[in-house]
Amino acid sequence: MNTWFTCKIKYQKIDEKGKAKNVSEMYLVDAVSFTEAERRIYEKMESLIQGEFYVTGIAKAKISDVFNYEDSYLWHRCKMVYTLEEEGKGAEKKITNYVLLTAPNVKEAYDRMYQSLNNMLVDFRVTEIVESPIVEVFPYESPEEEDTKFQEAPDNYRPLSEVNEDQSV
């Protein structure tokens, strides 16, 4: 299960007219601790922002799942509620979870919420959908994935199948 942290960043952005404007943006980072969240947001922002920026706040986010659809950059926070029967007590327990997903509008977010969670074994209701101030989400990537993600094979490398053919001849 992921642990999500919201990170608020403050920096100066140059608008279309060439005027400097102070901007505060929120990002979501998957990390195991506040310290790792801070380290990861600094690493990500250094490559995205020209000049100085400040991390003005880090908080644990109550997000259980994140669904990113490629056709939209607008994030929506969806509140879902379902009930579970407590074993041995015979009483029902109400569970509330929050899901973050991208959609161009609230109606599409509602539809995508049901589409994304259609494999749940319990019935749930979506009780709230709000547009989120989150600009971008940074899920966890293992160091091996980060190191090899964009590396291409050198020109002198050949597929293993070709090498095996040469050795068998």
C-alpha atoms as a PDB file:
ATOM      1  CA  MET A   1       0.000   0.000   0.000  1.00  0.00           C
ATOM      2  CA  ASN A   2       1.326   3.405  -0.960  1.00  0.00           C
ATOM      3  CA  THR A   3       1.840   6.243   1.495  1.00  0.00           C
ATOM      4  CA  TRP A   4       1.114   9.539  -0.200  1.00  0.00           C
ATOM      5  CA  PHE A   5       2.350  12.971   0.869  1.00  0.00           C
ATOM      6  CA  THR A   6       1.220  16.364  -0.395  1.00  0.00           C
ATOM      7  CA  CYS A   7       4.112  18.760  -0.933  1.00  0.00           C
ATOM      8  CA  LYS A   8       3.570  22.511  -1.336  1.00  0.00           C
ATOM      9  CA  ILE A   9       6.137  24.321  -3.457  1.00  0.00           C
ATOM     10  CA  LYS A  10       6.602  28.090  -3.753  1.00  0.00           C
ATOM     11  CA  TYR A  11       8.607  29.717  -6.549  1.00  0.00           C
ATOM     12  CA  GLN A  12       8.618  32.587  -9.048  1.00  0.00           C
ATOM     13  CA  LYS A  13       7.090  31.834 -12.428  1.00  0.00           C
ATOM     14  CA  ILE A  14       7.334  34.001 -15.521  1.00  0.00           C
ATOM     15  CA  ASP A  15       3.885  34.485 -17.103  1.00  0.00           C
ATOM     16  CA  GLU A  16       3.038  34.969 -20.800  1.00  0.00           C
ATOM     17  CA  LYS A  17       3.699  38.722 -20.541  1.00  0.00           C
ATOM     18  CA  GLY A  18       7.190  38.147 -19.119  1.00  0.00           C
ATOM     19  CA  LYS A  19       6.202  39.264 -15.638  1.00  0.00           C
ATOM     20  CA  ALA A  20       7.498  37.402 -12.562  1.00  0.00           C
ATOM     21  CA  LYS A  21       4.727  36.049 -10.372  1.00  0.00           C
ATOM     22  CA  ASN A  22       4.926  34.190  -7.051  1.00  0.00           C
ATOM     23  CA  VAL A  23       3.280  30.779  -7.418  1.00  0.00           C
ATOM     24  CA  SER A  24       2.369  28.123  -4.861  1.00  0.00           C
ATOM     25  CA  GLU A  25       1.663  24.627  -6.219  1.00  0.00           C
ATOM     26  CA  MET A  26       0.825  21.276  -4.656  1.00  0.00           C
ATOM     27  CA  TYR A  27       2.277  17.925  -5.703  1.00  0.00           C
ATOM     28  CA  LEU A  28       1.601  14.374  -4.524  1.00  0.00           C
ATOM     29  CA  VAL A  29       4.588  12.124  -3.766  1.00  0.00           C
ATOM     30  CA  ASP A  30       4.678   8.436  -2.877  1.00  0.00           C
ATOM     31  CA  ALA A  31       7.237   7.932  -0.086  1.00  0.00           C
ATOM     32  CA  VAL A  32       7.773   5.955   3.107  1.00  0.00           C
ATOM     33  CA  SER A  33       8.473   8.968   5.353  1.00  0.00           C
ATOM     34  CA  PHE A  34       8.350  12.746   5.486  1.00  0.00           C
ATOM     35  CA  THR A  35      12.117  12.827   4.956  1.00  0.00           C
ATOM     36  CA  GLU A  36      11.941  10.727   1.814  1.00  0.00           C
ATOM     37  CA  ALA A  37       9.015  12.803   0.521  1.00  0.00           C
ATOM     38  CA  GLU A  38      11.084  15.960   0.965  1.00  0.00           C
ATOM     39  CA  ARG A  39      14.099  14.413  -0.768  1.00  0.00           C
ATOM     40  CA  ARG A  40      11.999  13.153  -3.682  1.00  0.00           C
ATOM     41  CA  ILE A  41      10.164  16.456  -4.200  1.00  0.00           C
ATOM     42  CA  TYR A  42      13.474  18.354  -4.242  1.00  0.00           C
ATOM     43  CA  GLU A  43      14.875  15.920  -6.851  1.00  0.00           C
ATOM     44  CA  LYS A  44      11.773  16.183  -9.045  1.00  0.00           C
ATOM     45  CA  MET A  45      11.453  19.971  -8.794  1.00  0.00           C
ATOM     46  CA  GLU A  46      15.123  20.622  -9.581  1.00  0.00           C
ATOM     47  CA  SER A  47      14.531  19.169 -13.037  1.00  0.00           C
ATOM     48  CA  LEU A  48      11.184  20.975 -13.554  1.00  0.00           C
ATOM     49  CA  ILE A  49      11.725  24.477 -12.156  1.00  0.00           C
ATOM     50  CA  GLN A  50      14.294  27.033 -13.280  1.00  0.00           C
ATOM     51  CA  GLY A  51      15.706  29.017 -10.356  1.00  0.00           C
ATOM     52  CA  GLU A  52      14.952  28.857  -6.655  1.00  0.00           C
ATOM     53  CA  PHE A  53      11.978  27.143  -5.073  1.00  0.00           C
ATOM     54  CA  TYR A  54      10.948  26.366  -1.532  1.00  0.00           C
ATOM     55  CA  VAL A  55       9.104  23.444   0.003  1.00  0.00           C
ATOM     56  CA  THR A  56       6.640  25.223   2.294  1.00  0.00           C
ATOM     57  CA  GLY A  57       4.760  22.200   3.585  1.00  0.00           C
ATOM     58  CA  ILE A  58       4.575  18.416   3.597  1.00  0.00           C
ATOM     59  CA  ALA A  59       1.562  16.505   4.927  1.00  0.00           C
ATOM     60  CA  LYS A  60       0.357  12.926   4.826  1.00  0.00           C
ATOM     61  CA  ALA A  61      -2.497  12.570   2.342  1.00  0.00           C
ATOM     62  CA  LYS A  62      -5.492  10.333   2.929  1.00  0.00           C
ATOM     63  CA  ILE A  63      -5.380   8.800  -0.543  1.00  0.00           C
ATOM     64  CA  SER A  64      -5.927   5.063  -1.002  1.00  0.00           C
ATOM     65  CA  ASP A  65      -5.560   4.865  -4.814  1.00  0.00           C
ATOM     66  CA  VAL A  66      -4.399   7.032  -7.702  1.00  0.00           C
ATOM     67  CA  PHE A  67      -5.620   6.549 -11.285  1.00  0.00           C
ATOM     68  CA  ASN A  68      -3.925   8.585 -14.000  1.00  0.00           C
ATOM     69  CA  TYR A  69      -5.669   8.744 -17.372  1.00  0.00           C
ATOM     70  CA  GLU A  70      -3.529  10.133 -20.170  1.00  0.00           C
ATOM     71  CA  ASP A  71      -6.237  12.326 -21.737  1.00  0.00           C
ATOM     72  CA  SER A  72      -6.442  14.807 -18.852  1.00  0.00           C
ATOM     73  CA  TYR A  73      -4.151  16.702 -16.519  1.00  0.00           C
ATOM     74  CA  LEU A  74      -6.909  17.817 -14.115  1.00  0.00           C
ATOM     75  CA  TRP A  75      -6.920  15.866 -10.824  1.00  0.00           C
ATOM     76  CA  HIS A  76     -10.115  15.111  -8.879  1.00  0.00           C
ATOM     77  CA  ARG A  77     -10.379  13.824  -5.318  1.00  0.00           C
ATOM     78  CA  CYS A  78     -13.231  11.339  -4.988  1.00  0.00           C
ATOM     79  CA  LYS A  79     -14.702  10.214  -1.694  1.00  0.00           C
ATOM     80  CA  MET A  80     -16.109   6.705  -1.626  1.00  0.00           C
ATOM     81  CA  VAL A  81     -17.996   4.998   1.197  1.00  0.00           C
ATOM     82  CA  TYR A  82     -18.742   1.317   1.747  1.00  0.00           C
ATOM     83  CA  THR A  83     -19.771  -0.843   4.685  1.00  0.00           C
ATOM     84  CA  LEU A  84     -18.246  -4.022   6.054  1.00  0.00           C
ATOM     85  CA  GLU A  85     -19.760  -6.389   8.540  1.00  0.00           C
ATOM     86  CA  GLU A  86     -17.535  -6.805  11.599  1.00  0.00           C
ATOM     87  CA  GLU A  87     -16.917 -10.463  12.334  1.00  0.00           C
ATOM     88  CA  GLY A  88     -18.246 -11.682  15.655  1.00  0.00           C
ATOM     89  CA  LYS A  89     -20.077  -8.445  16.415  1.00  0.00           C
ATOM     90  CA  GLY A  90     -22.758  -8.560  13.751  1.00  0.00           C
ATOM     91  CA  ALA A  91     -22.463  -4.783  13.343  1.00  0.00           C
ATOM     92  CA  GLU A  92     -21.643  -2.916  10.172  1.00  0.00           C
ATOM     93  CA  LYS A  93     -18.623  -0.649   9.956  1.00  0.00           C
ATOM     94  CA  LYS A  94     -18.618   2.316   7.582  1.00  0.00           C
ATOM     95  CA  ILE A  95     -15.340   2.733   5.663  1.00  0.00           C
ATOM     96  CA  THR A  96     -14.378   5.953   3.873  1.00  0.00           C
ATOM     97  CA  ASN A  97     -11.592   6.086   1.278  1.00  0.00           C
ATOM     98  CA  TYR A  98     -10.321   8.833  -0.989  1.00  0.00           C
ATOM     99  CA  VAL A  99      -9.212   8.226  -4.554  1.00  0.00           C
ATOM    100  CA  LEU A 100      -7.364  10.663  -6.799  1.00  0.00           C
ATOM    101  CA  LEU A 101      -7.892  10.453 -10.549  1.00  0.00           C
ATOM    102  CA  THR A 102      -7.573  12.557 -13.670  1.00  0.00           C
ATOM    103  CA  ALA A 103     -10.583  13.560 -15.714  1.00  0.00           C
ATOM    104  CA  PRO A 104     -11.583  16.568 -17.832  1.00  0.00           C
ATOM    105  CA  ASN A 105     -14.687  17.233 -15.665  1.00  0.00           C
ATOM    106  CA  VAL A 106     -16.615  16.015 -12.620  1.00  0.00           C
ATOM    107  CA  LYS A 107     -19.034  13.845 -14.616  1.00  0.00           C
ATOM    108  CA  GLU A 108     -16.167  12.018 -16.302  1.00  0.00           C
ATOM    109  CA  ALA A 109     -14.425  11.655 -12.908  1.00  0.00           C
ATOM    110  CA  TYR A 110     -17.593  10.009 -11.545  1.00  0.00           C
ATOM    111  CA  ASP A 111     -17.718   7.569 -14.474  1.00  0.00           C
ATOM    112  CA  ARG A 112     -14.004   6.787 -14.214  1.00  0.00           C
ATOM    113  CA  MET A 113     -14.314   6.183 -10.492  1.00  0.00           C
ATOM    114  CA  TYR A 114     -16.795   3.362 -11.109  1.00  0.00           C
ATOM    115  CA  GLN A 115     -14.783   2.089 -14.075  1.00  0.00           C
ATOM    116  CA  SER A 116     -11.542   1.989 -12.030  1.00  0.00           C
ATOM    117  CA  LEU A 117     -13.101   0.235  -9.031  1.00  0.00           C
ATOM    118  CA  ASN A 118     -15.492  -2.136 -10.790  1.00  0.00           C
ATOM    119  CA  ASN A 119     -13.586  -5.153  -9.420  1.00  0.00           C
ATOM    120  CA  MET A 120     -14.358  -4.368  -5.747  1.00  0.00           C
ATOM    121  CA  LEU A 121     -16.217  -7.143  -3.978  1.00  0.00           C
ATOM    122  CA  VAL A 122     -18.362  -4.751  -1.919  1.00  0.00           C
ATOM    123  CA  ASP A 123     -20.855  -2.156  -3.072  1.00  0.00           C
ATOM    124  CA  PHE A 124     -19.644   1.404  -2.684  1.00  0.00           C
ATOM    125  CA  ARG A 125     -21.061   4.877  -3.176  1.00  0.00           C
ATOM    126  CA  VAL A 126     -19.238   7.926  -4.460  1.00  0.00           C
ATOM    127  CA  THR A 127     -20.350  10.678  -2.098  1.00  0.00           C
ATOM    128  CA  GLU A 128     -18.123  13.561  -3.154  1.00  0.00           C
ATOM    129  CA  ILE A 129     -15.958  14.645  -6.084  1.00  0.00           C
ATOM    130  CA  VAL A 130     -13.922  17.846  -5.966  1.00  0.00           C
ATOM    131  CA  GLU A 131     -11.300  19.296  -8.244  1.00  0.00           C
ATOM    132  CA  SER A 132      -7.934  18.915  -6.549  1.00  0.00           C
ATOM    133  CA  PRO A 133      -5.211  21.590  -6.402  1.00  0.00           C
ATOM    134  CA  ILE A 134      -2.600  18.898  -7.098  1.00  0.00           C
ATOM    135  CA  VAL A 135      -0.535  19.704 -10.183  1.00  0.00           C
ATOM    136  CA  GLU A 136       1.262  16.395 -10.640  1.00  0.00           C
ATOM    137  CA  VAL A 137       1.665  13.009  -8.966  1.00  0.00           C
ATOM    138  CA  PHE A 138       5.023  11.304  -8.506  1.00  0.00           C
ATOM    139  CA  PRO A 139       4.569   7.564  -7.786  1.00  0.00           C
ATOM    140  CA  TYR A 140       7.430   5.563  -6.332  1.00  0.00           C
ATOM    141  CA  GLU A 141      10.018   4.204  -8.760  1.00  0.00           C
ATOM    142  CA  SER A 142      12.695   1.801  -7.597  1.00  0.00           C
ATOM    143  CA  PRO A 143      16.280   2.993  -8.165  1.00  0.00           C
ATOM    144  CA  GLU A 144      16.726   0.277 -10.805  1.00  0.00           C
ATOM    145  CA  GLU A 145      13.709   1.594 -12.747  1.00  0.00           C
ATOM    146  CA  GLU A 146      14.953   5.193 -12.550  1.00  0.00           C
ATOM    147  CA  ASP A 147      18.468   4.244 -13.736  1.00  0.00           C
ATOM    148  CA  THR A 148      17.392   2.091 -16.686  1.00  0.00           C
ATOM    149  CA  LYS A 149      14.205   3.873 -17.687  1.00  0.00           C
ATOM    150  CA  PHE A 150      15.634   6.062 -20.456  1.00  0.00           C
ATOM    151  CA  GLN A 151      18.843   4.249 -21.316  1.00  0.00           C
ATOM    152  CA  GLU A 152      19.112   2.849 -24.807  1.00  0.00           C
ATOM    153  CA  ALA A 153      21.278  -0.105 -25.734  1.00  0.00           C
ATOM    154  CA  PRO A 154      24.641   0.810 -27.302  1.00  0.00           C
ATOM    155  CA  ASP A 155      24.977   0.322 -31.060  1.00  0.00           C
ATOM    156  CA  ASN A 156      27.336  -2.660 -30.690  1.00  0.00           C
ATOM    157  CA  TYR A 157      24.768  -4.677 -28.661  1.00  0.00           C
ATOM    158  CA  ARG A 158      22.805  -7.414 -30.428  1.00  0.00           C
ATOM    159  CA  PRO A 159      19.703  -9.347 -29.388  1.00  0.00           C
ATOM    160  CA  LEU A 160      20.443 -12.499 -27.390  1.00  0.00           C
ATOM    161  CA  SER A 161      18.751 -14.650 -30.041  1.00  0.00           C
ATOM    162  CA  GLU A 162      21.348 -13.539 -32.625  1.00  0.00           C
ATOM    163  CA  VAL A 163      24.236 -14.245 -30.262  1.00  0.00           C
ATOM    164  CA  ASN A 164      22.875 -17.751 -29.520  1.00  0.00           C
ATOM    165  CA  GLU A 165      22.529 -18.457 -33.279  1.00  0.00           C
ATOM    166  CA  ASP A 166      26.160 -17.459 -33.888  1.00  0.00           C
ATOM    167  CA  GLN A 167      27.384 -19.746 -31.083  1.00  0.00           C
ATOM    168  CA  SER A 168      25.397 -22.757 -32.274  1.00  0.00           C
ATOM    169  CA  VAL A 169      26.840 -22.626 -35.802  1.00  0.00           C
END
